[in-house]
Amino acid sequence: MTFWLLNLSLEMRETIMVLSEAMLMFLKIYNLLITLRLTLVWFPNFNPYIQPFVFLLKFVDPFLRIFRGFLPSVFGIDFSPLLALTFLQALSEFLQNLRLL
């Protein structure tokens, strides 16, 4: 499956490693932002439509909307963010394994 990576030149491998490191850092930060967004939902008196939290809504909600229809809500609780976080974790694991080659 990853034999194509072994046939690449050293410069190309280094480029792939640098890009995977940058993507891993982005995924970690995005995972933190999603977790912060989901935590803020639990505070009923909190207004998320003020700055800087409106940026958080605009940055995270489009990604979460992708997963909204896949899992049904149970007792009014939406479990689709768990699917989104699982997807991000799987992508992070793939990039970490790519880095180890």
Protein backbone atom coordinates (compact mmCIF):
# COMPACT_ATOMS: atom_id res chain seq x y z
CA MET A 1 0.00 0.00 0.00
CA THR A 2 2.75 2.48 0.87
CA PHE A 3 5.40 1.07 -1.44
CA TRP A 4 5.04 4.09 -3.72
CA LEU A 5 6.55 6.23 -0.97
CA LEU A 6 9.71 4.13 -0.89
CA ASN A 7 10.37 4.72 -4.60
CA LEU A 8 10.35 8.53 -4.28
CA SER A 9 13.45 10.66 -4.16
CA LEU A 10 14.78 11.95 -0.85
CA GLU A 11 13.63 15.53 -1.55
CA MET A 12 10.13 14.36 -2.38
CA ARG A 13 9.96 12.28 0.81
CA GLU A 14 11.10 15.25 2.88
CA THR A 15 8.47 17.43 1.24
CA ILE A 16 5.77 14.88 2.04
CA MET A 17 6.98 14.69 5.64
CA VAL A 18 6.93 18.48 6.08
CA LEU A 19 3.42 18.67 4.60
CA SER A 20 2.22 15.85 6.83
CA GLU A 21 3.68 17.60 9.90
CA ALA A 22 1.88 20.83 8.97
CA MET A 23 -1.36 18.95 8.38
CA LEU A 24 -1.00 17.16 11.73
CA MET A 25 -0.58 20.48 13.51
CA PHE A 26 -3.64 21.90 11.74
CA LEU A 27 -5.70 18.82 12.66
CA LYS A 28 -4.70 19.11 16.31
CA ILE A 29 -5.72 22.76 16.43
CA TYR A 30 -8.96 22.06 14.56
CA ASN A 31 -9.74 19.20 16.94
CA LEU A 32 -9.25 21.61 19.85
CA LEU A 33 -11.55 24.18 18.21
CA ILE A 34 -14.28 21.57 17.67
CA THR A 35 -13.97 20.46 21.29
CA LEU A 36 -14.23 24.09 22.44
CA ARG A 37 -17.29 24.60 20.23
CA LEU A 38 -18.98 21.50 21.64
CA THR A 39 -18.15 22.54 25.19
CA LEU A 40 -19.70 25.98 24.74
CA VAL A 41 -23.02 24.41 23.74
CA TRP A 42 -23.46 23.08 27.28
CA PHE A 43 -23.67 26.60 28.76
CA PRO A 44 -27.26 27.82 28.22
CA ASN A 45 -26.63 31.46 29.17
CA PHE A 46 -23.66 31.78 26.85
CA ASN A 47 -24.14 33.85 23.69
CA PRO A 48 -21.97 32.33 20.92
CA TYR A 49 -22.83 35.14 18.49
CA ILE A 50 -20.39 37.64 19.97
CA GLN A 51 -16.75 37.99 19.05
CA PRO A 52 -14.44 35.99 19.17
CA PHE A 53 -16.85 33.06 19.37
CA VAL A 54 -18.67 33.92 16.16
CA PHE A 55 -15.39 33.17 14.36
CA LEU A 56 -15.39 29.78 16.04
CA LEU A 57 -18.92 29.10 14.77
CA LYS A 58 -18.07 30.16 11.23
CA PHE A 59 -14.89 28.10 11.17
CA VAL A 60 -16.13 24.87 12.77
CA ASP A 61 -19.84 24.59 11.92
CA PRO A 62 -19.46 23.98 8.15
CA PHE A 63 -17.33 20.93 8.89
CA LEU A 64 -19.75 19.66 11.52
CA ARG A 65 -22.69 20.16 9.15
CA ILE A 66 -21.20 17.53 6.83
CA PHE A 67 -21.75 14.84 9.47
CA ARG A 68 -25.15 15.96 10.78
CA GLY A 69 -27.25 13.62 8.63
CA PHE A 70 -25.26 10.43 9.16
CA LEU A 71 -26.24 9.64 12.74
CA PRO A 72 -29.73 10.12 14.15
CA SER A 73 -30.12 12.07 17.35
CA VAL A 74 -30.97 10.05 20.43
CA PHE A 75 -33.11 11.77 23.08
CA GLY A 76 -32.32 15.11 21.45
CA ILE A 77 -28.56 14.63 21.62
CA ASP A 78 -26.70 14.99 18.33
CA PHE A 79 -23.88 12.45 18.07
CA SER A 80 -22.62 13.61 14.69
CA PRO A 81 -19.73 15.62 16.23
CA LEU A 82 -18.36 12.33 17.56
CA LEU A 83 -18.28 11.07 13.99
CA ALA A 84 -16.49 14.24 12.90
CA LEU A 85 -13.91 13.91 15.68
CA THR A 86 -13.42 10.23 14.82
CA PHE A 87 -12.78 11.18 11.20
CA LEU A 88 -10.19 13.77 12.25
CA GLN A 89 -8.52 11.23 14.52
CA ALA A 90 -8.35 8.64 11.73
CA LEU A 91 -6.83 11.22 9.39
CA SER A 92 -4.27 12.14 12.07
CA GLU A 93 -3.35 8.49 12.55
CA PHE A 94 -2.89 8.07 8.80
CA LEU A 95 -0.58 11.09 8.64
CA GLN A 96 1.41 9.88 11.64
CA ASN A 97 1.88 6.48 10.02
CA LEU A 98 2.93 8.18 6.80
CA ARG A 99 5.52 10.14 8.77
CA LEU A 100 7.00 6.96 10.26
CA LEU A 101 7.86 5.41 6.88
